[in-house]
Amino acid sequence: MDAATVKAMLQDHLGDCEFHVQGEGSHYEITAIGEVFEGLRPVRNQQVVYVALSDCIADGSVHAVNIRTFTPAQWQAQPRD
């Protein structure tokens, strides 16, 4: 599996979100930006993303995932390097 495949799976499941995916093999860093995260608790935000990857997590093709979620407003407020 590669980052592009993970991103495509996420976009298929959550088409209204923007994703930035880095990693390879079975370890990925995912940043998800979307209105879907508005008003949700952090754990629920992660669950929303995990659902899209549940089959790959179950079969072991995705093992370690670090997920950061933002609403568009939160993303805009993030400091940039």
Protein backbone atom coordinates (compact mmCIF):
# COMPACT_ATOMS: atom_id res chain seq x y z
CA MET A 1 0.00 0.00 0.00
CA ASP A 2 1.16 3.56 -0.62
CA ALA A 3 0.10 7.05 0.47
CA ALA A 4 -1.81 7.70 -2.77
CA THR A 5 -3.91 4.56 -2.24
CA VAL A 6 -4.68 5.52 1.36
CA LYS A 7 -5.65 9.03 0.24
CA ALA A 8 -7.94 7.63 -2.47
CA MET A 9 -9.70 5.38 0.07
CA LEU A 10 -10.21 8.33 2.40
CA GLN A 11 -11.55 10.53 -0.40
CA ASP A 12 -13.95 7.79 -1.50
CA HIS A 13 -15.35 7.62 2.03
CA LEU A 14 -15.19 11.32 2.96
CA GLY A 15 -15.36 13.17 -0.34
CA ASP A 16 -16.04 16.52 1.29
CA CYS A 17 -12.68 16.51 3.11
CA GLU A 18 -9.18 17.46 2.08
CA PHE A 19 -6.48 14.93 2.96
CA HIS A 20 -2.73 15.09 3.29
CA VAL A 21 -1.21 11.62 3.60
CA GLN A 22 2.40 10.71 4.17
CA GLY A 23 4.00 7.36 4.83
CA GLU A 24 4.58 4.01 3.24
CA GLY A 25 4.19 0.33 3.89
CA SER A 26 1.79 0.07 6.80
CA HIS A 27 2.53 3.35 8.65
CA TYR A 28 0.80 6.62 7.74
CA GLU A 29 0.42 10.22 8.90
CA ILE A 30 -2.99 11.59 7.91
CA THR A 31 -4.21 15.16 8.12
CA ALA A 32 -7.92 15.54 7.38
CA ILE A 33 -9.63 18.90 6.91
CA GLY A 34 -13.40 19.15 6.64
CA GLU A 35 -16.63 20.58 7.97
CA VAL A 36 -17.58 17.05 9.08
CA PHE A 37 -15.37 17.56 12.15
CA GLU A 38 -17.24 20.67 13.34
CA GLY A 39 -18.50 20.19 16.87
CA LEU A 40 -17.15 16.65 17.27
CA ARG A 41 -14.90 15.51 20.08
CA PRO A 42 -11.33 14.55 19.10
CA VAL A 43 -11.96 10.82 19.58
CA ARG A 44 -15.03 10.97 17.33
CA ASN A 45 -13.02 12.84 14.67
CA GLN A 46 -10.52 9.99 14.59
CA GLN A 47 -13.30 7.40 14.42
CA VAL A 48 -14.75 9.13 11.36
CA VAL A 49 -11.41 8.68 9.57
CA TYR A 50 -10.75 5.16 10.87
CA VAL A 51 -14.01 3.89 9.35
CA ALA A 52 -12.60 4.53 5.87
CA LEU A 53 -9.53 2.42 6.70
CA SER A 54 -11.20 -0.29 8.79
CA ASP A 55 -10.79 -3.10 6.23
CA CYS A 56 -7.11 -2.28 5.71
CA ILE A 57 -6.52 -2.10 9.45
CA ALA A 58 -8.30 -5.43 9.94
CA ASP A 59 -6.20 -7.20 7.30
CA GLY A 60 -2.96 -5.62 8.53
CA SER A 61 -2.11 -3.68 5.37
CA VAL A 62 -2.39 -0.53 7.50
CA HIS A 63 -0.89 -0.97 10.93
CA ALA A 64 0.02 2.42 12.40
CA VAL A 65 -1.92 5.60 11.70
CA ASN A 66 -1.45 9.04 13.18
CA ILE A 67 -4.52 11.17 12.44
CA ARG A 68 -4.87 14.92 12.85
CA THR A 69 -8.26 16.44 12.06
CA PHE A 70 -9.25 20.05 11.52
CA THR A 71 -12.25 22.06 10.45
CA PRO A 72 -11.39 24.45 7.61
CA ALA A 73 -11.30 27.35 10.12
CA GLN A 74 -8.97 25.43 12.43
CA TRP A 75 -6.72 24.57 9.49
CA GLN A 76 -6.52 28.22 8.41
CA ALA A 77 -5.54 29.21 11.96
CA GLN A 78 -2.61 26.75 11.99
CA PRO A 79 0.80 28.43 11.92
CA ARG A 80 2.70 27.80 8.69
CA ASP A 81 6.45 27.41 8.39
